[in-house]
Amino acid sequence: KDIPVANFIMHEIHCSRNIEVCHYCSESVPKSEMKNHMESEHGQVTCKCRMKMEKSLLKDHEASACPLRPALCQFCDIQLAFNKLQDHEIYCGARTERCGGCGRNVMMKDLKEHPQVCG
């Protein structure tokens, strides 16, 4: 941060005694809190999918990359693991439902386009 020239030497001495730069994330951390910072931000954890990563990356991994993250089927809104979604949707999308307009049985995967061709 900006420091007045008159205070710069004292500030620099204070920082060099009390502040340390994390060699993983380049964040300035008080020396007294470095051990806690390393454990809370850079400690290794194992996700439920058995992938190992830094603790600070776990939340993003669970939300967007984990194969076991929860996902909703677009046809029946059931929640299941993301890695099971594709097989489920192939099966679920092939189910049929009777159209109220024409009375034909229409596959769930075709229901969105069906009104355009419904007689």
N, C-alpha and C. Protein backbone atom coordinates (compact mmCIF):
# COMPACT_ATOMS: atom_id res chain seq x y z
N LYS A 1 0.84 -1.19 0.00
CA LYS A 1 0.00 0.00 0.00
C LYS A 1 0.87 1.24 0.00
N ASP A 2 0.24 2.38 -0.25
CA ASP A 2 0.99 3.64 -0.26
C ASP A 2 1.38 4.03 1.16
N ILE A 3 2.66 4.31 1.33
CA ILE A 3 3.20 4.68 2.65
C ILE A 3 3.89 6.04 2.49
N PRO A 4 3.63 6.99 3.40
CA PRO A 4 4.35 8.26 3.34
C PRO A 4 5.86 8.00 3.46
N VAL A 5 6.63 8.77 2.72
CA VAL A 5 8.09 8.60 2.69
C VAL A 5 8.67 8.65 4.10
N ALA A 6 8.16 9.53 4.94
CA ALA A 6 8.69 9.69 6.30
C ALA A 6 8.50 8.41 7.12
N ASN A 7 7.47 7.63 6.83
CA ASN A 7 7.17 6.42 7.60
C ASN A 7 7.67 5.14 6.93
N PHE A 8 8.23 5.25 5.74
CA PHE A 8 8.53 4.06 4.96
C PHE A 8 9.52 3.11 5.64
N ILE A 9 10.58 3.61 6.20
CA ILE A 9 11.60 2.74 6.82
C ILE A 9 11.00 1.98 7.99
N MET A 10 10.23 2.68 8.84
CA MET A 10 9.59 2.00 9.97
C MET A 10 8.58 0.95 9.48
N HIS A 11 7.85 1.32 8.46
CA HIS A 11 6.88 0.38 7.91
C HIS A 11 7.57 -0.87 7.34
N GLU A 12 8.64 -0.66 6.62
CA GLU A 12 9.38 -1.78 6.01
C GLU A 12 9.94 -2.71 7.09
N ILE A 13 10.46 -2.15 8.16
CA ILE A 13 10.98 -2.96 9.28
C ILE A 13 9.85 -3.75 9.92
N HIS A 14 8.73 -3.07 10.15
CA HIS A 14 7.58 -3.75 10.74
C HIS A 14 7.12 -4.92 9.86
N CYS A 15 6.99 -4.69 8.57
CA CYS A 15 6.53 -5.75 7.65
C CYS A 15 7.51 -6.91 7.61
N SER A 16 8.79 -6.63 7.53
CA SER A 16 9.77 -7.71 7.43
C SER A 16 9.79 -8.57 8.70
N ARG A 17 9.45 -7.99 9.84
CA ARG A 17 9.41 -8.74 11.09
C ARG A 17 8.10 -9.52 11.26
N ASN A 18 7.00 -8.96 10.75
CA ASN A 18 5.68 -9.52 11.07
C ASN A 18 4.91 -10.15 9.92
N ILE A 19 5.31 -9.88 8.70
CA ILE A 19 4.54 -10.36 7.55
C ILE A 19 5.41 -11.31 6.73
N GLU A 20 4.76 -12.36 6.23
CA GLU A 20 5.44 -13.33 5.40
C GLU A 20 4.59 -13.54 4.14
N VAL A 21 5.23 -13.76 3.01
CA VAL A 21 4.50 -14.01 1.77
C VAL A 21 4.42 -15.52 1.57
N CYS A 22 3.21 -16.02 1.41
CA CYS A 22 3.00 -17.45 1.19
C CYS A 22 3.63 -17.85 -0.14
N HIS A 23 4.44 -18.89 -0.12
CA HIS A 23 5.13 -19.29 -1.35
C HIS A 23 4.22 -20.10 -2.29
N TYR A 24 2.99 -20.43 -1.85
CA TYR A 24 2.02 -21.11 -2.72
C TYR A 24 1.11 -20.13 -3.44
N CYS A 25 0.57 -19.15 -2.70
CA CYS A 25 -0.44 -18.27 -3.29
C CYS A 25 -0.01 -16.80 -3.35
N SER A 26 1.18 -16.49 -2.86
CA SER A 26 1.73 -15.12 -2.85
C SER A 26 0.91 -14.15 -2.02
N GLU A 27 0.11 -14.64 -1.10
CA GLU A 27 -0.67 -13.77 -0.22
C GLU A 27 0.20 -13.35 0.96
N SER A 28 0.05 -12.09 1.38
CA SER A 28 0.75 -11.60 2.57
C SER A 28 0.00 -12.06 3.80
N VAL A 29 0.71 -12.76 4.68
CA VAL A 29 0.08 -13.34 5.86
C VAL A 29 0.93 -12.99 7.08
N PRO A 30 0.29 -12.61 8.19
CA PRO A 30 1.08 -12.40 9.41
C PRO A 30 1.83 -13.68 9.76
N LYS A 31 3.09 -13.54 10.16
CA LYS A 31 3.91 -14.72 10.48
C LYS A 31 3.26 -15.60 11.53
N SER A 32 2.58 -14.97 12.48
CA SER A 32 1.94 -15.73 13.55
C SER A 32 0.77 -16.59 13.03
N GLU A 33 0.24 -16.27 11.85
CA GLU A 33 -0.89 -17.01 11.29
C GLU A 33 -0.51 -17.89 10.10
N MET A 34 0.78 -17.97 9.77
CA MET A 34 1.21 -18.72 8.60
C MET A 34 0.89 -20.21 8.72
N LYS A 35 1.11 -20.79 9.87
CA LYS A 35 0.82 -22.22 10.04
C LYS A 35 -0.67 -22.48 9.81
N ASN A 36 -1.52 -21.65 10.38
CA ASN A 36 -2.96 -21.79 10.19
C ASN A 36 -3.34 -21.58 8.73
N HIS A 37 -2.72 -20.59 8.07
CA HIS A 37 -2.98 -20.33 6.66
C HIS A 37 -2.62 -21.56 5.82
N MET A 38 -1.47 -22.15 6.08
CA MET A 38 -1.03 -23.32 5.31
C MET A 38 -1.99 -24.49 5.49
N GLU A 39 -2.46 -24.69 6.72
CA GLU A 39 -3.39 -25.80 6.98
C GLU A 39 -4.76 -25.55 6.36
N SER A 40 -5.27 -24.32 6.52
CA SER A 40 -6.63 -24.05 6.05
C SER A 40 -6.73 -23.83 4.55
N GLU A 41 -5.68 -23.32 3.92
CA GLU A 41 -5.74 -23.01 2.49
C GLU A 41 -5.02 -24.03 1.62
N HIS A 42 -3.92 -24.56 2.10
CA HIS A 42 -3.07 -25.39 1.24
C HIS A 42 -2.92 -26.83 1.71
N GLY A 43 -3.56 -27.17 2.82
CA GLY A 43 -3.51 -28.56 3.28
C GLY A 43 -4.21 -29.48 2.29
N GLN A 44 -3.71 -30.67 2.16
CA GLN A 44 -4.29 -31.63 1.22
C GLN A 44 -5.53 -32.29 1.83
N VAL A 45 -6.59 -32.38 1.03
CA VAL A 45 -7.81 -33.07 1.43
C VAL A 45 -8.19 -34.02 0.30
N THR A 46 -9.04 -34.98 0.62
CA THR A 46 -9.51 -35.94 -0.37
C THR A 46 -11.00 -35.76 -0.54
N CYS A 47 -11.43 -35.54 -1.77
CA CYS A 47 -12.85 -35.41 -2.08
C CYS A 47 -13.52 -36.78 -1.99
N LYS A 48 -14.85 -36.79 -1.94
CA LYS A 48 -15.58 -38.06 -1.91
C LYS A 48 -15.34 -38.89 -3.16
N CYS A 49 -14.86 -38.25 -4.25
CA CYS A 49 -14.53 -38.98 -5.48
C CYS A 49 -13.10 -39.52 -5.44
N ARG A 50 -12.42 -39.35 -4.32
CA ARG A 50 -11.07 -39.83 -4.05
C ARG A 50 -9.96 -39.02 -4.72
N MET A 51 -10.31 -37.86 -5.24
CA MET A 51 -9.30 -36.98 -5.82
C MET A 51 -8.69 -36.14 -4.72
N LYS A 52 -7.36 -35.99 -4.72
CA LYS A 52 -6.68 -35.18 -3.71
C LYS A 52 -6.41 -33.80 -4.28
N MET A 53 -6.56 -32.79 -3.42
CA MET A 53 -6.35 -31.40 -3.83
C MET A 53 -6.15 -30.52 -2.61
N GLU A 54 -5.76 -29.27 -2.86
CA GLU A 54 -5.67 -28.30 -1.77
C GLU A 54 -7.07 -28.02 -1.23
N LYS A 55 -7.13 -27.81 0.06
CA LYS A 55 -8.41 -27.55 0.72
C LYS A 55 -9.14 -26.36 0.12
N SER A 56 -8.41 -25.34 -0.28
CA SER A 56 -9.04 -24.14 -0.83
C SER A 56 -9.71 -24.40 -2.18
N LEU A 57 -9.35 -25.47 -2.87
CA LEU A 57 -9.93 -25.79 -4.18
C LEU A 57 -11.12 -26.73 -4.10
N LEU A 58 -11.34 -27.31 -2.93
CA LEU A 58 -12.37 -28.34 -2.78
C LEU A 58 -13.77 -27.84 -3.11
N LYS A 59 -14.15 -26.67 -2.62
CA LYS A 59 -15.52 -26.18 -2.83
C LYS A 59 -15.83 -26.01 -4.31
N ASP A 60 -14.91 -25.41 -5.07
CA ASP A 60 -15.12 -25.27 -6.53
C ASP A 60 -15.17 -26.62 -7.22
N HIS A 61 -14.30 -27.53 -6.81
CA HIS A 61 -14.29 -28.88 -7.39
C HIS A 61 -15.64 -29.57 -7.16
N GLU A 62 -16.13 -29.52 -5.93
CA GLU A 62 -17.41 -30.17 -5.61
C GLU A 62 -18.58 -29.55 -6.38
N ALA A 63 -18.49 -28.26 -6.66
CA ALA A 63 -19.59 -27.58 -7.35
C ALA A 63 -19.58 -27.78 -8.86
N SER A 64 -18.39 -27.91 -9.47
CA SER A 64 -18.38 -27.90 -10.93
C SER A 64 -17.59 -29.01 -11.61
N ALA A 65 -16.74 -29.72 -10.90
CA ALA A 65 -15.90 -30.71 -11.58
C ALA A 65 -16.01 -32.13 -11.03
N CYS A 66 -16.50 -32.28 -9.83
CA CYS A 66 -16.55 -33.61 -9.21
C CYS A 66 -17.54 -34.51 -9.95
N PRO A 67 -17.12 -35.71 -10.32
CA PRO A 67 -18.05 -36.62 -11.00
C PRO A 67 -19.19 -37.09 -10.09
N LEU A 68 -19.05 -36.89 -8.79
CA LEU A 68 -20.10 -37.30 -7.85
C LEU A 68 -20.99 -36.14 -7.41
N ARG A 69 -20.80 -34.95 -8.02
CA ARG A 69 -21.62 -33.80 -7.64
C ARG A 69 -23.08 -34.08 -8.01
N PRO A 70 -24.02 -33.52 -7.26
CA PRO A 70 -25.44 -33.75 -7.56
C PRO A 70 -25.85 -33.09 -8.87
N ALA A 71 -26.70 -33.78 -9.61
CA ALA A 71 -27.21 -33.26 -10.87
C ALA A 71 -28.67 -33.69 -11.02
N LEU A 72 -29.46 -32.85 -11.71
CA LEU A 72 -30.88 -33.14 -11.90
C LEU A 72 -31.14 -33.66 -13.31
N CYS A 73 -31.95 -34.69 -13.41
CA CYS A 73 -32.38 -35.20 -14.70
C CYS A 73 -33.31 -34.16 -15.34
N GLN A 74 -33.09 -33.88 -16.61
CA GLN A 74 -33.90 -32.87 -17.30
C GLN A 74 -35.32 -33.37 -17.58
N PHE A 75 -35.56 -34.67 -17.46
CA PHE A 75 -36.88 -35.22 -17.77
C PHE A 75 -37.75 -35.48 -16.54
N CYS A 76 -37.12 -35.94 -15.44
CA CYS A 76 -37.93 -36.29 -14.27
C CYS A 76 -37.53 -35.53 -13.01
N ASP A 77 -36.50 -34.68 -13.08
CA ASP A 77 -36.01 -33.86 -11.96
C ASP A 77 -35.51 -34.67 -10.77
N ILE A 78 -35.20 -35.94 -10.98
CA ILE A 78 -34.60 -36.72 -9.90
C ILE A 78 -33.14 -36.29 -9.77
N GLN A 79 -32.63 -36.27 -8.54
CA GLN A 79 -31.24 -35.87 -8.31
C GLN A 79 -30.38 -37.12 -8.21
N LEU A 80 -29.27 -37.14 -8.95
CA LEU A 80 -28.33 -38.25 -8.90
C LEU A 80 -26.93 -37.73 -9.15
N ALA A 81 -25.93 -38.61 -9.03
CA ALA A 81 -24.54 -38.20 -9.25
C ALA A 81 -24.32 -37.87 -10.72
N PHE A 82 -23.53 -36.82 -10.97
CA PHE A 82 -23.29 -36.36 -12.33
C PHE A 82 -22.79 -37.48 -13.24
N ASN A 83 -21.94 -38.37 -12.73
CA ASN A 83 -21.40 -39.43 -13.56
C ASN A 83 -22.44 -40.50 -13.92
N LYS A 84 -23.60 -40.47 -13.31
CA LYS A 84 -24.69 -41.39 -13.63
C LYS A 84 -25.77 -40.73 -14.49
N LEU A 85 -25.66 -39.41 -14.67
CA LEU A 85 -26.72 -38.64 -15.33
C LEU A 85 -26.93 -39.04 -16.78
N GLN A 86 -25.87 -39.18 -17.56
CA GLN A 86 -26.03 -39.46 -18.99
C GLN A 86 -26.76 -40.78 -19.23
N ASP A 87 -26.36 -41.85 -18.55
CA ASP A 87 -27.04 -43.13 -18.72
C ASP A 87 -28.51 -43.04 -18.29
N HIS A 88 -28.76 -42.34 -17.18
CA HIS A 88 -30.12 -42.18 -16.71
C HIS A 88 -30.97 -41.41 -17.72
N GLU A 89 -30.44 -40.32 -18.26
CA GLU A 89 -31.22 -39.50 -19.20
C GLU A 89 -31.50 -40.23 -20.51
N ILE A 90 -30.59 -41.10 -20.94
CA ILE A 90 -30.87 -41.90 -22.14
C ILE A 90 -32.08 -42.79 -21.89
N TYR A 91 -32.10 -43.44 -20.74
CA TYR A 91 -33.23 -44.29 -20.37
C TYR A 91 -34.48 -43.46 -20.13
N CYS A 92 -34.37 -42.42 -19.34
CA CYS A 92 -35.52 -41.62 -18.93
C CYS A 92 -36.12 -40.87 -20.12
N GLY A 93 -35.28 -40.39 -21.03
CA GLY A 93 -35.77 -39.66 -22.20
C GLY A 93 -36.51 -40.55 -23.18
N ALA A 94 -36.29 -41.86 -23.09
CA ALA A 94 -36.96 -42.80 -23.98
C ALA A 94 -38.35 -43.20 -23.47
N ARG A 95 -38.69 -42.81 -22.24
CA ARG A 95 -40.04 -43.07 -21.73
C ARG A 95 -41.04 -42.27 -22.56
N THR A 96 -42.27 -42.73 -22.60
CA THR A 96 -43.28 -42.01 -23.38
C THR A 96 -44.35 -41.43 -22.48
N GLU A 97 -44.98 -40.39 -23.00
CA GLU A 97 -46.10 -39.74 -22.32
C GLU A 97 -47.13 -39.39 -23.39
N ARG A 98 -48.38 -39.56 -23.07
CA ARG A 98 -49.45 -39.29 -24.03
C ARG A 98 -49.65 -37.78 -24.20
N CYS A 99 -49.69 -37.34 -25.45
CA CYS A 99 -49.91 -35.94 -25.76
C CYS A 99 -51.40 -35.64 -25.59
N GLY A 100 -51.70 -34.57 -24.87
CA GLY A 100 -53.09 -34.17 -24.66
C GLY A 100 -53.74 -33.62 -25.92
N GLY A 101 -52.94 -33.17 -26.89
CA GLY A 101 -53.47 -32.59 -28.12
C GLY A 101 -53.83 -33.63 -29.16
N CYS A 102 -52.87 -34.51 -29.48
CA CYS A 102 -53.11 -35.47 -30.57
C CYS A 102 -53.32 -36.89 -30.07
N GLY A 103 -53.06 -37.16 -28.80
CA GLY A 103 -53.29 -38.48 -28.24
C GLY A 103 -52.18 -39.48 -28.53
N ARG A 104 -51.15 -39.07 -29.25
CA ARG A 104 -50.04 -39.99 -29.54
C ARG A 104 -49.11 -40.09 -28.34
N ASN A 105 -48.43 -41.25 -28.23
CA ASN A 105 -47.39 -41.41 -27.21
C ASN A 105 -46.11 -40.79 -27.75
N VAL A 106 -45.54 -39.86 -26.98
CA VAL A 106 -44.36 -39.12 -27.41
C VAL A 106 -43.25 -39.37 -26.39
N MET A 107 -42.02 -39.64 -26.90
CA MET A 107 -40.89 -39.84 -25.99
C MET A 107 -40.60 -38.54 -25.25
N MET A 108 -40.20 -38.68 -23.99
CA MET A 108 -39.92 -37.52 -23.15
C MET A 108 -38.87 -36.61 -23.79
N LYS A 109 -37.88 -37.18 -24.46
CA LYS A 109 -36.84 -36.36 -25.08
C LYS A 109 -37.36 -35.55 -26.26
N ASP A 110 -38.53 -35.91 -26.80
CA ASP A 110 -39.11 -35.20 -27.94
C ASP A 110 -40.26 -34.28 -27.56
N LEU A 111 -40.61 -34.23 -26.28
CA LEU A 111 -41.77 -33.44 -25.85
C LEU A 111 -41.63 -31.94 -26.14
N LYS A 112 -40.43 -31.39 -26.05
CA LYS A 112 -40.27 -29.96 -26.28
C LYS A 112 -40.55 -29.58 -27.73
N GLU A 113 -40.14 -30.45 -28.66
CA GLU A 113 -40.36 -30.16 -30.09
C GLU A 113 -41.73 -30.63 -30.58
N HIS A 114 -42.38 -31.49 -29.84
CA HIS A 114 -43.64 -32.09 -30.30
C HIS A 114 -44.74 -31.06 -30.63
N PRO A 115 -44.93 -30.00 -29.85
CA PRO A 115 -46.01 -29.05 -30.20
C PRO A 115 -45.88 -28.48 -31.62
N GLN A 116 -44.69 -28.44 -32.16
CA GLN A 116 -44.50 -27.90 -33.52
C GLN A 116 -45.03 -28.86 -34.58
N VAL A 117 -45.08 -30.14 -34.29
CA VAL A 117 -45.54 -31.15 -35.26
C VAL A 117 -46.86 -31.79 -34.84
N CYS A 118 -47.39 -31.39 -33.71
CA CYS A 118 -48.62 -31.99 -33.18
C CYS A 118 -49.80 -31.65 -34.09
N GLY A 119 -50.54 -32.68 -34.48
CA GLY A 119 -51.69 -32.46 -35.37
C GLY A 119 -52.92 -32.17 -34.55
